[in-house]
Amino acid sequence: MVGAAAVACTGGGAPPSAKGPVPDDVASHLSVEVAQGREQYAKREIRLEVTNDSGETLTLLSGALRTEQFGPSHLTKEGRTLVLRPGATRAVFVGLGQARCADLAVVEEAAAPSATITLALGEGDDLGPATDVAVDEVDDPVGHLARNHAVDCSAAAVAAGADLTVDADVPVETRDGELTALVTLRIERVDGGPEVTLDRIAGTTLMTNADPGGDASGWVGPDLAGQGAGEVVLAVVPARCDVHAVAEDKRGTFLPVSARVGGVRQEPVYVPMPDTARSDFYAFVADYCDWPE
């Protein structure tokens, strides 16, 4: 689960403490695991969850991820000092670096990631010096890094041939007595880039196909016929009407687009709505679902 942990003291102007740096026998009892929630996925952020299986109380200061799949990570929540007691787990939040893609395709299985975690012995006003602990193997049991990497590399492959954007406005009309929102996806071809063909736009937690004869889980075939002219108009109705679904929305306004690049099928890429379109869509859901003013 954990590789050999090396210890190195970092510099700084902190006043001297009776405590020393984190010793090797404490560092070797630290483990790190990658985690990611819905709210982090949209921001390409992960959590490095640090577990302290030593008998010492530590303070977690920061951390960094190292992996073949991405460039250098960056701390997204700076200035946090978290007490890490024996047996406890606390998290460092880091943003993923730029994905490293081989020829615009997902690279083969990468070596296990590693991390550098910065800690100090003690807590509160009684801290030892900040110490960098190298954890040679970081667990990723759910495959968060592989999933993020596949999506990033698919997005790079698609972007090499087409720029996908959602219109800033979402007009609403009545079709067969039902309010229907029209969400427009623009496809601007890249000169000299590979051919990009849209195969499917999936529904989301908030959006579904308004056509009763269409695919209830998304838009395929005739729904995507306009892509040759650079415009796909999706007829949309809400997938649900409970208020909390919109209030807690994280990904419901990202269009999941499945495409082929040069004939090669890619992982879905997620095209966000601009803020104005998102506002229009939320207002449409309120009207469609007849929410009280």
C-alpha atoms as a PDB file:
ATOM      1  CA  MET A   1       0.000   0.000   0.000  1.00  0.00           C
ATOM      2  CA  VAL A   2       2.814   2.401   0.868  1.00  0.00           C
ATOM      3  CA  GLY A   3       6.325   2.638  -0.514  1.00  0.00           C
ATOM      4  CA  ALA A   4       9.386   3.664   1.434  1.00  0.00           C
ATOM      5  CA  ALA A   5       8.943   7.087   2.968  1.00  0.00           C
ATOM      6  CA  ALA A   6      11.884   9.470   2.925  1.00  0.00           C
ATOM      7  CA  VAL A   7      12.056  12.520   5.167  1.00  0.00           C
ATOM      8  CA  ALA A   8      13.513  15.929   4.379  1.00  0.00           C
ATOM      9  CA  CYS A   9      13.104  19.121   6.412  1.00  0.00           C
ATOM     10  CA  THR A  10      11.912  22.189   4.558  1.00  0.00           C
ATOM     11  CA  GLY A  11      13.370  25.596   5.148  1.00  0.00           C
ATOM     12  CA  GLY A  12      11.540  28.487   6.784  1.00  0.00           C
ATOM     13  CA  GLY A  13      11.694  31.151   9.415  1.00  0.00           C
ATOM     14  CA  ALA A  14       9.559  29.449  12.071  1.00  0.00           C
ATOM     15  CA  PRO A  15      10.746  29.848  15.682  1.00  0.00           C
ATOM     16  CA  PRO A  16      12.618  26.869  17.136  1.00  0.00           C
ATOM     17  CA  SER A  17      10.547  24.084  18.724  1.00  0.00           C
ATOM     18  CA  ALA A  18      11.372  21.416  21.252  1.00  0.00           C
ATOM     19  CA  LYS A  19      10.070  18.927  18.670  1.00  0.00           C
ATOM     20  CA  GLY A  20      12.216  17.745  15.801  1.00  0.00           C
ATOM     21  CA  PRO A  21      11.244  16.843  12.233  1.00  0.00           C
ATOM     22  CA  VAL A  22       8.962  13.879  11.485  1.00  0.00           C
ATOM     23  CA  PRO A  23      11.223  10.825  11.989  1.00  0.00           C
ATOM     24  CA  ASP A  24      11.485   7.900   9.584  1.00  0.00           C
ATOM     25  CA  ASP A  25       9.657   5.468  11.865  1.00  0.00           C
ATOM     26  CA  VAL A  26       6.627   7.805  11.908  1.00  0.00           C
ATOM     27  CA  ALA A  27       6.792   8.631   8.198  1.00  0.00           C
ATOM     28  CA  SER A  28       6.793   4.942   7.299  1.00  0.00           C
ATOM     29  CA  HIS A  29       3.371   4.592   8.963  1.00  0.00           C
ATOM     30  CA  LEU A  30       1.674   7.115   6.680  1.00  0.00           C
ATOM     31  CA  SER A  31      -0.443   6.040   3.713  1.00  0.00           C
ATOM     32  CA  VAL A  32      -2.115   8.097   0.985  1.00  0.00           C
ATOM     33  CA  GLU A  33      -5.201   7.354  -1.116  1.00  0.00           C
ATOM     34  CA  VAL A  34      -6.803   9.293  -3.988  1.00  0.00           C
ATOM     35  CA  ALA A  35     -10.453  10.296  -3.593  1.00  0.00           C
ATOM     36  CA  GLN A  36     -12.755  12.540  -5.622  1.00  0.00           C
ATOM     37  CA  GLY A  37     -16.368  13.657  -5.212  1.00  0.00           C
ATOM     38  CA  ARG A  38     -18.788  15.071  -7.764  1.00  0.00           C
ATOM     39  CA  GLU A  39     -17.996  18.599  -6.678  1.00  0.00           C
ATOM     40  CA  GLN A  40     -14.279  18.032  -7.297  1.00  0.00           C
ATOM     41  CA  TYR A  41     -14.655  16.229 -10.636  1.00  0.00           C
ATOM     42  CA  ALA A  42     -15.974  19.295 -12.450  1.00  0.00           C
ATOM     43  CA  LYS A  43     -12.964  21.285 -11.197  1.00  0.00           C
ATOM     44  CA  ARG A  44     -10.379  18.553 -11.938  1.00  0.00           C
ATOM     45  CA  GLU A  45      -9.574  18.462  -8.250  1.00  0.00           C
ATOM     46  CA  ILE A  46      -8.761  15.422  -6.130  1.00  0.00           C
ATOM     47  CA  ARG A  47      -8.253  14.708  -2.447  1.00  0.00           C
ATOM     48  CA  LEU A  48      -5.079  13.116  -1.164  1.00  0.00           C
ATOM     49  CA  GLU A  49      -6.395  11.327   1.921  1.00  0.00           C
ATOM     50  CA  VAL A  50      -3.553  10.864   4.401  1.00  0.00           C
ATOM     51  CA  THR A  51      -3.910   8.195   7.114  1.00  0.00           C
ATOM     52  CA  ASN A  52      -1.687   8.279  10.187  1.00  0.00           C
ATOM     53  CA  ASP A  53      -1.050   4.754  11.468  1.00  0.00           C
ATOM     54  CA  SER A  54       1.766   5.870  13.759  1.00  0.00           C
ATOM     55  CA  GLY A  55       1.459   6.624  17.458  1.00  0.00           C
ATOM     56  CA  GLU A  56       2.309  10.333  17.006  1.00  0.00           C
ATOM     57  CA  THR A  57      -0.003  13.320  16.600  1.00  0.00           C
ATOM     58  CA  LEU A  58       0.880  15.246  13.444  1.00  0.00           C
ATOM     59  CA  THR A  59      -0.284  18.386  11.662  1.00  0.00           C
ATOM     60  CA  LEU A  60      -0.978  18.064   7.933  1.00  0.00           C
ATOM     61  CA  LEU A  61       0.189  21.162   6.055  1.00  0.00           C
ATOM     62  CA  SER A  62       0.134  20.427   2.306  1.00  0.00           C
ATOM     63  CA  GLY A  63       0.800  17.845  -0.364  1.00  0.00           C
ATOM     64  CA  ALA A  64       1.560  17.217  -4.026  1.00  0.00           C
ATOM     65  CA  LEU A  65       0.789  14.352  -6.411  1.00  0.00           C
ATOM     66  CA  ARG A  66       3.302  12.860  -8.863  1.00  0.00           C
ATOM     67  CA  THR A  67       2.051  10.656 -11.701  1.00  0.00           C
ATOM     68  CA  GLU A  68       2.993   9.779 -15.286  1.00  0.00           C
ATOM     69  CA  GLN A  69      -0.550  10.651 -16.393  1.00  0.00           C
ATOM     70  CA  PHE A  70      -0.498  14.347 -15.421  1.00  0.00           C
ATOM     71  CA  GLY A  71       1.866  17.265 -15.080  1.00  0.00           C
ATOM     72  CA  PRO A  72       2.610  18.792 -11.660  1.00  0.00           C
ATOM     73  CA  SER A  73      -0.360  19.189  -9.335  1.00  0.00           C
ATOM     74  CA  HIS A  74      -1.121  22.377  -7.418  1.00  0.00           C
ATOM     75  CA  LEU A  75      -2.608  22.986  -3.984  1.00  0.00           C
ATOM     76  CA  THR A  76      -6.194  24.294  -4.253  1.00  0.00           C
ATOM     77  CA  LYS A  77      -6.914  24.996  -0.571  1.00  0.00           C
ATOM     78  CA  GLU A  78      -3.861  26.745   0.805  1.00  0.00           C
ATOM     79  CA  GLY A  79      -3.137  27.747   4.370  1.00  0.00           C
ATOM     80  CA  ARG A  80      -4.974  24.819   5.984  1.00  0.00           C
ATOM     81  CA  THR A  81      -3.439  23.159   9.045  1.00  0.00           C
ATOM     82  CA  LEU A  82      -5.184  19.901   9.929  1.00  0.00           C
ATOM     83  CA  VAL A  83      -4.470  17.900  13.064  1.00  0.00           C
ATOM     84  CA  LEU A  84      -3.779  14.290  12.121  1.00  0.00           C
ATOM     85  CA  ARG A  85      -4.091  12.147  15.239  1.00  0.00           C
ATOM     86  CA  PRO A  86      -3.067   8.473  15.443  1.00  0.00           C
ATOM     87  CA  GLY A  87      -5.470   6.361  13.392  1.00  0.00           C
ATOM     88  CA  ALA A  88      -7.091   9.396  11.737  1.00  0.00           C
ATOM     89  CA  THR A  89      -7.400  10.373   8.059  1.00  0.00           C
ATOM     90  CA  ARG A  90      -7.344  13.969   6.762  1.00  0.00           C
ATOM     91  CA  ALA A  91      -7.277  15.283   3.208  1.00  0.00           C
ATOM     92  CA  VAL A  92      -5.174  17.648   1.100  1.00  0.00           C
ATOM     93  CA  PHE A  93      -6.995  19.112  -1.934  1.00  0.00           C
ATOM     94  CA  VAL A  94      -4.937  19.384  -5.131  1.00  0.00           C
ATOM     95  CA  GLY A  95      -5.711  20.303  -8.723  1.00  0.00           C
ATOM     96  CA  LEU A  96      -4.560  17.909 -11.419  1.00  0.00           C
ATOM     97  CA  GLY A  97      -1.883  19.111 -13.812  1.00  0.00           C
ATOM     98  CA  GLN A  98      -2.242  18.951 -17.574  1.00  0.00           C
ATOM     99  CA  ALA A  99      -2.924  15.444 -18.861  1.00  0.00           C
ATOM    100  CA  ARG A 100      -0.056  13.788 -20.704  1.00  0.00           C
ATOM    101  CA  CYS A 101      -1.584  12.149 -23.764  1.00  0.00           C
ATOM    102  CA  ALA A 102       0.286  10.079 -26.355  1.00  0.00           C
ATOM    103  CA  ASP A 103      -0.702  11.089 -29.890  1.00  0.00           C
ATOM    104  CA  LEU A 104      -4.057  12.378 -28.601  1.00  0.00           C
ATOM    105  CA  ALA A 105      -4.922   8.915 -27.304  1.00  0.00           C
ATOM    106  CA  VAL A 106      -5.114   7.565 -23.782  1.00  0.00           C
ATOM    107  CA  VAL A 107      -1.733   6.168 -22.763  1.00  0.00           C
ATOM    108  CA  GLU A 108      -1.439   2.577 -21.601  1.00  0.00           C
ATOM    109  CA  GLU A 109      -1.521   1.667 -17.920  1.00  0.00           C
ATOM    110  CA  ALA A 110       0.678   4.021 -15.911  1.00  0.00           C
ATOM    111  CA  ALA A 111       2.903   3.263 -12.946  1.00  0.00           C
ATOM    112  CA  ALA A 112       1.459   3.808  -9.490  1.00  0.00           C
ATOM    113  CA  PRO A 113       1.368   7.484  -8.493  1.00  0.00           C
ATOM    114  CA  SER A 114       3.405   8.860  -5.620  1.00  0.00           C
ATOM    115  CA  ALA A 115       3.087  11.906  -3.400  1.00  0.00           C
ATOM    116  CA  THR A 116       4.984  14.321  -1.216  1.00  0.00           C
ATOM    117  CA  ILE A 117       3.114  15.183   1.977  1.00  0.00           C
ATOM    118  CA  THR A 118       4.229  18.058   4.197  1.00  0.00           C
ATOM    119  CA  LEU A 119       3.640  17.557   7.926  1.00  0.00           C
ATOM    120  CA  ALA A 120       4.929  18.564  11.326  1.00  0.00           C
ATOM    121  CA  LEU A 121       5.102  16.751  14.658  1.00  0.00           C
ATOM    122  CA  GLY A 122       2.626  17.995  17.249  1.00  0.00           C
ATOM    123  CA  GLU A 123      -0.296  20.406  16.974  1.00  0.00           C
ATOM    124  CA  GLY A 124      -1.307  23.976  17.717  1.00  0.00           C
ATOM    125  CA  ASP A 125       1.500  26.154  18.999  1.00  0.00           C
ATOM    126  CA  ASP A 126       3.755  23.183  19.714  1.00  0.00           C
ATOM    127  CA  LEU A 127       4.872  22.145  16.249  1.00  0.00           C
ATOM    128  CA  GLY A 128       8.120  20.741  14.963  1.00  0.00           C
ATOM    129  CA  PRO A 129       9.550  21.960  11.653  1.00  0.00           C
ATOM    130  CA  ALA A 130       7.636  21.322   8.438  1.00  0.00           C
ATOM    131  CA  THR A 131       8.831  18.009   6.994  1.00  0.00           C
ATOM    132  CA  ASP A 132       8.374  16.653   3.467  1.00  0.00           C
ATOM    133  CA  VAL A 133       7.505  12.960   3.496  1.00  0.00           C
ATOM    134  CA  ALA A 134       7.768  11.068   0.205  1.00  0.00           C
ATOM    135  CA  VAL A 135       5.152   8.324  -0.155  1.00  0.00           C
ATOM    136  CA  ASP A 136       6.330   6.142  -3.007  1.00  0.00           C
ATOM    137  CA  GLU A 137       3.008   4.423  -3.771  1.00  0.00           C
ATOM    138  CA  VAL A 138      -0.371   6.158  -3.578  1.00  0.00           C
ATOM    139  CA  ASP A 139      -3.506   4.006  -3.765  1.00  0.00           C
ATOM    140  CA  ASP A 140      -6.257   4.844  -6.242  1.00  0.00           C
ATOM    141  CA  PRO A 141      -8.675   1.944  -5.660  1.00  0.00           C
ATOM    142  CA  VAL A 142     -11.593   3.425  -7.614  1.00  0.00           C
ATOM    143  CA  GLY A 143      -9.467   4.539 -10.574  1.00  0.00           C
ATOM    144  CA  HIS A 144     -10.112   8.284 -10.290  1.00  0.00           C
ATOM    145  CA  LEU A 145      -6.851   9.211 -12.002  1.00  0.00           C
ATOM    146  CA  ALA A 146      -7.426   6.855 -14.932  1.00  0.00           C
ATOM    147  CA  ARG A 147     -10.958   8.206 -15.420  1.00  0.00           C
ATOM    148  CA  ASN A 148      -9.852  11.838 -15.330  1.00  0.00           C
ATOM    149  CA  HIS A 149      -6.973  11.066 -17.672  1.00  0.00           C
ATOM    150  CA  ALA A 150      -9.222   9.298 -20.200  1.00  0.00           C
ATOM    151  CA  VAL A 151     -11.673  12.216 -20.229  1.00  0.00           C
ATOM    152  CA  ASP A 152      -8.900  14.824 -20.527  1.00  0.00           C
ATOM    153  CA  CYS A 153      -7.215  12.977 -23.398  1.00  0.00           C
ATOM    154  CA  SER A 154     -10.520  12.453 -25.200  1.00  0.00           C
ATOM    155  CA  ALA A 155     -11.232  16.163 -24.831  1.00  0.00           C
ATOM    156  CA  ALA A 156      -7.792  16.934 -26.312  1.00  0.00           C
ATOM    157  CA  ALA A 157      -8.428  14.567 -29.217  1.00  0.00           C
ATOM    158  CA  VAL A 158     -11.833  16.117 -29.951  1.00  0.00           C
ATOM    159  CA  ALA A 159     -10.460  19.660 -29.604  1.00  0.00           C
ATOM    160  CA  ALA A 160      -7.809  18.872 -32.208  1.00  0.00           C
ATOM    161  CA  GLY A 161     -10.605  18.562 -34.773  1.00  0.00           C
ATOM    162  CA  ALA A 162     -13.515  20.622 -33.473  1.00  0.00           C
ATOM    163  CA  ASP A 163     -14.349  23.363 -30.994  1.00  0.00           C
ATOM    164  CA  LEU A 164     -17.574  22.466 -29.136  1.00  0.00           C
ATOM    165  CA  THR A 165     -19.515  25.226 -27.374  1.00  0.00           C
ATOM    166  CA  VAL A 166     -23.046  25.751 -26.081  1.00  0.00           C
ATOM    167  CA  ASP A 167     -24.939  28.903 -27.104  1.00  0.00           C
ATOM    168  CA  ALA A 168     -25.279  31.588 -24.464  1.00  0.00           C
ATOM    169  CA  ASP A 169     -29.089  31.663 -24.732  1.00  0.00           C
ATOM    170  CA  VAL A 170     -31.643  28.877 -24.219  1.00  0.00           C
ATOM    171  CA  PRO A 171     -34.926  29.841 -25.924  1.00  0.00           C
ATOM    172  CA  VAL A 172     -38.153  28.140 -24.859  1.00  0.00           C
ATOM    173  CA  GLU A 173     -41.113  27.242 -27.049  1.00  0.00           C
ATOM    174  CA  THR A 174     -44.273  25.184 -26.724  1.00  0.00           C
ATOM    175  CA  ARG A 175     -44.328  21.901 -28.653  1.00  0.00           C
ATOM    176  CA  ASP A 176     -47.494  19.783 -28.590  1.00  0.00           C
ATOM    177  CA  GLY A 177     -48.634  21.718 -25.548  1.00  0.00           C
ATOM    178  CA  GLU A 178     -45.384  21.141 -23.629  1.00  0.00           C
ATOM    179  CA  LEU A 179     -42.767  23.734 -22.733  1.00  0.00           C
ATOM    180  CA  THR A 180     -39.518  22.768 -24.452  1.00  0.00           C
ATOM    181  CA  ALA A 181     -36.060  24.296 -24.083  1.00  0.00           C
ATOM    182  CA  LEU A 182     -33.754  24.461 -27.084  1.00  0.00           C
ATOM    183  CA  VAL A 183     -30.102  23.941 -26.188  1.00  0.00           C
ATOM    184  CA  THR A 184     -27.746  24.574 -29.115  1.00  0.00           C
ATOM    185  CA  LEU A 185     -24.362  22.900 -29.421  1.00  0.00           C
ATOM    186  CA  ARG A 186     -22.004  24.596 -31.915  1.00  0.00           C
ATOM    187  CA  ILE A 187     -19.351  22.585 -33.769  1.00  0.00           C
ATOM    188  CA  GLU A 188     -16.574  24.661 -35.312  1.00  0.00           C
ATOM    189  CA  ARG A 189     -14.186  22.534 -37.345  1.00  0.00           C
ATOM    190  CA  VAL A 190     -10.446  23.037 -36.880  1.00  0.00           C
ATOM    191  CA  ASP A 191      -8.592  23.608 -40.155  1.00  0.00           C
ATOM    192  CA  GLY A 192      -6.259  20.719 -40.822  1.00  0.00           C
ATOM    193  CA  GLY A 193      -7.537  18.770 -37.794  1.00  0.00           C
ATOM    194  CA  PRO A 194      -8.856  15.207 -37.717  1.00  0.00           C
ATOM    195  CA  GLU A 195     -12.476  14.439 -38.582  1.00  0.00           C
ATOM    196  CA  VAL A 196     -14.790  14.585 -35.561  1.00  0.00           C
ATOM    197  CA  THR A 197     -18.168  12.837 -35.699  1.00  0.00           C
ATOM    198  CA  LEU A 198     -20.712  13.102 -32.879  1.00  0.00           C
ATOM    199  CA  ASP A 199     -22.321   9.756 -32.073  1.00  0.00           C
ATOM    200  CA  ARG A 200     -24.416  10.648 -29.053  1.00  0.00           C
ATOM    201  CA  ILE A 201     -25.235  13.382 -26.569  1.00  0.00           C
ATOM    202  CA  ALA A 202     -26.415  11.786 -23.357  1.00  0.00           C
ATOM    203  CA  GLY A 203     -29.023  13.128 -20.994  1.00  0.00           C
ATOM    204  CA  THR A 204     -27.991  14.420 -17.583  1.00  0.00           C
ATOM    205  CA  THR A 205     -29.415  14.517 -14.088  1.00  0.00           C
ATOM    206  CA  LEU A 206     -31.385  17.603 -15.159  1.00  0.00           C
ATOM    207  CA  MET A 207     -31.968  17.224 -18.936  1.00  0.00           C
ATOM    208  CA  THR A 208     -33.691  14.617 -21.089  1.00  0.00           C
ATOM    209  CA  ASN A 209     -34.925  14.336 -24.686  1.00  0.00           C
ATOM    210  CA  ALA A 210     -38.232  16.151 -25.259  1.00  0.00           C
ATOM    211  CA  ASP A 211     -39.094  13.979 -28.286  1.00  0.00           C
ATOM    212  CA  PRO A 212     -41.461  11.219 -27.103  1.00  0.00           C
ATOM    213  CA  GLY A 213     -40.337   9.080 -30.042  1.00  0.00           C
ATOM    214  CA  GLY A 214     -36.626   9.676 -29.441  1.00  0.00           C
ATOM    215  CA  ASP A 215     -34.079   8.116 -27.157  1.00  0.00           C
ATOM    216  CA  ALA A 216     -35.223   8.922 -23.609  1.00  0.00           C
ATOM    217  CA  SER A 217     -31.635   8.825 -22.328  1.00  0.00           C
ATOM    218  CA  GLY A 218     -30.172  11.221 -24.882  1.00  0.00           C
ATOM    219  CA  TRP A 219     -29.877  12.343 -28.491  1.00  0.00           C
ATOM    220  CA  VAL A 220     -28.659  10.114 -31.327  1.00  0.00           C
ATOM    221  CA  GLY A 221     -29.110   9.633 -35.081  1.00  0.00           C
ATOM    222  CA  PRO A 222     -31.503  12.211 -36.585  1.00  0.00           C
ATOM    223  CA  ASP A 223     -31.153  14.429 -33.500  1.00  0.00           C
ATOM    224  CA  LEU A 224     -27.503  15.003 -34.463  1.00  0.00           C
ATOM    225  CA  ALA A 225     -28.082  15.507 -38.195  1.00  0.00           C
ATOM    226  CA  GLY A 226     -27.210  19.210 -37.998  1.00  0.00           C
ATOM    227  CA  GLN A 227     -23.596  18.560 -37.043  1.00  0.00           C
ATOM    228  CA  GLY A 228     -22.522  18.706 -40.693  1.00  0.00           C
ATOM    229  CA  ALA A 229     -23.633  22.336 -40.740  1.00  0.00           C
ATOM    230  CA  GLY A 230     -22.005  23.009 -37.386  1.00  0.00           C
ATOM    231  CA  GLU A 231     -25.140  23.226 -35.237  1.00  0.00           C
ATOM    232  CA  VAL A 232     -27.073  20.662 -33.186  1.00  0.00           C
ATOM    233  CA  VAL A 233     -30.270  21.878 -31.508  1.00  0.00           C
ATOM    234  CA  LEU A 234     -31.412  19.681 -28.624  1.00  0.00           C
ATOM    235  CA  ALA A 235     -35.092  19.706 -27.643  1.00  0.00           C
ATOM    236  CA  VAL A 236     -34.964  19.397 -23.860  1.00  0.00           C
ATOM    237  CA  VAL A 237     -37.363  18.836 -20.984  1.00  0.00           C
ATOM    238  CA  PRO A 238     -36.389  18.486 -17.311  1.00  0.00           C
ATOM    239  CA  ALA A 239     -35.329  15.036 -16.171  1.00  0.00           C
ATOM    240  CA  ARG A 240     -36.791  15.795 -12.730  1.00  0.00           C
ATOM    241  CA  CYS A 241     -38.726  18.499 -10.951  1.00  0.00           C
ATOM    242  CA  ASP A 242     -37.498  18.354  -7.350  1.00  0.00           C
ATOM    243  CA  VAL A 243     -36.121  21.712  -6.289  1.00  0.00           C
ATOM    244  CA  HIS A 244     -33.062  20.326  -4.523  1.00  0.00           C
ATOM    245  CA  ALA A 245     -31.826  18.716  -7.767  1.00  0.00           C
ATOM    246  CA  VAL A 246     -31.226  22.193  -9.203  1.00  0.00           C
ATOM    247  CA  ALA A 247     -30.136  23.734  -5.911  1.00  0.00           C
ATOM    248  CA  GLU A 248     -27.433  21.062  -5.500  1.00  0.00           C
ATOM    249  CA  ASP A 249     -26.547  20.724  -9.186  1.00  0.00           C
ATOM    250  CA  LYS A 250     -22.893  20.082 -10.027  1.00  0.00           C
ATOM    251  CA  ARG A 251     -22.906  18.476 -13.501  1.00  0.00           C
ATOM    252  CA  GLY A 252     -26.481  18.628 -14.801  1.00  0.00           C
ATOM    253  CA  THR A 253     -25.772  21.397 -17.321  1.00  0.00           C
ATOM    254  CA  PHE A 254     -22.653  19.808 -18.834  1.00  0.00           C
ATOM    255  CA  LEU A 255     -23.494  18.113 -22.150  1.00  0.00           C
ATOM    256  CA  PRO A 256     -21.935  14.603 -22.271  1.00  0.00           C
ATOM    257  CA  VAL A 257     -20.805  14.260 -25.899  1.00  0.00           C
ATOM    258  CA  SER A 258     -19.605  10.927 -27.301  1.00  0.00           C
ATOM    259  CA  ALA A 259     -17.612  11.333 -30.505  1.00  0.00           C
ATOM    260  CA  ARG A 260     -15.212   9.605 -32.874  1.00  0.00           C
ATOM    261  CA  VAL A 261     -11.973  11.284 -33.894  1.00  0.00           C
ATOM    262  CA  GLY A 262     -10.513  10.005 -37.137  1.00  0.00           C
ATOM    263  CA  GLY A 263     -12.864   7.046 -36.748  1.00  0.00           C
ATOM    264  CA  VAL A 264     -11.640   6.211 -33.223  1.00  0.00           C
ATOM    265  CA  ARG A 265     -14.294   6.210 -30.505  1.00  0.00           C
ATOM    266  CA  GLN A 266     -13.476   8.486 -27.567  1.00  0.00           C
ATOM    267  CA  GLU A 267     -14.590   8.677 -23.966  1.00  0.00           C
ATOM    268  CA  PRO A 268     -17.445  11.187 -23.459  1.00  0.00           C
ATOM    269  CA  VAL A 269     -16.358  14.807 -23.185  1.00  0.00           C
ATOM    270  CA  TYR A 270     -18.364  17.286 -21.128  1.00  0.00           C
ATOM    271  CA  VAL A 271     -19.263  20.613 -22.718  1.00  0.00           C
ATOM    272  CA  PRO A 272     -20.343  23.228 -20.135  1.00  0.00           C
ATOM    273  CA  MET A 273     -23.151  25.729 -20.560  1.00  0.00           C
ATOM    274  CA  PRO A 274     -22.152  29.391 -20.262  1.00  0.00           C
ATOM    275  CA  ASP A 275     -23.490  31.102 -17.141  1.00  0.00           C
ATOM    276  CA  THR A 276     -26.276  32.865 -19.076  1.00  0.00           C
ATOM    277  CA  ALA A 277     -27.461  29.603 -20.644  1.00  0.00           C
ATOM    278  CA  ARG A 278     -27.379  27.873 -17.266  1.00  0.00           C
ATOM    279  CA  SER A 279     -29.491  30.668 -15.769  1.00  0.00           C
ATOM    280  CA  ASP A 280     -31.973  30.402 -18.661  1.00  0.00           C
ATOM    281  CA  PHE A 281     -32.200  26.646 -18.225  1.00  0.00           C
ATOM    282  CA  TYR A 282     -32.803  26.827 -14.475  1.00  0.00           C
ATOM    283  CA  ALA A 283     -35.566  29.384 -15.091  1.00  0.00           C
ATOM    284  CA  PHE A 284     -37.089  27.030 -17.692  1.00  0.00           C
ATOM    285  CA  VAL A 285     -37.094  24.147 -15.193  1.00  0.00           C
ATOM    286  CA  ALA A 286     -38.887  26.360 -12.654  1.00  0.00           C
ATOM    287  CA  ASP A 287     -41.554  27.289 -15.228  1.00  0.00           C
ATOM    288  CA  TYR A 288     -41.948  23.756 -16.580  1.00  0.00           C
ATOM    289  CA  CYS A 289     -42.253  22.267 -13.088  1.00  0.00           C
ATOM    290  CA  ASP A 290     -44.563  25.086 -11.938  1.00  0.00           C
ATOM    291  CA  TRP A 291     -42.533  25.955  -8.892  1.00  0.00           C
ATOM    292  CA  PRO A 292     -44.027  28.653  -6.685  1.00  0.00           C
ATOM    293  CA  GLU A 293     -42.560  32.136  -7.153  1.00  0.00           C
END
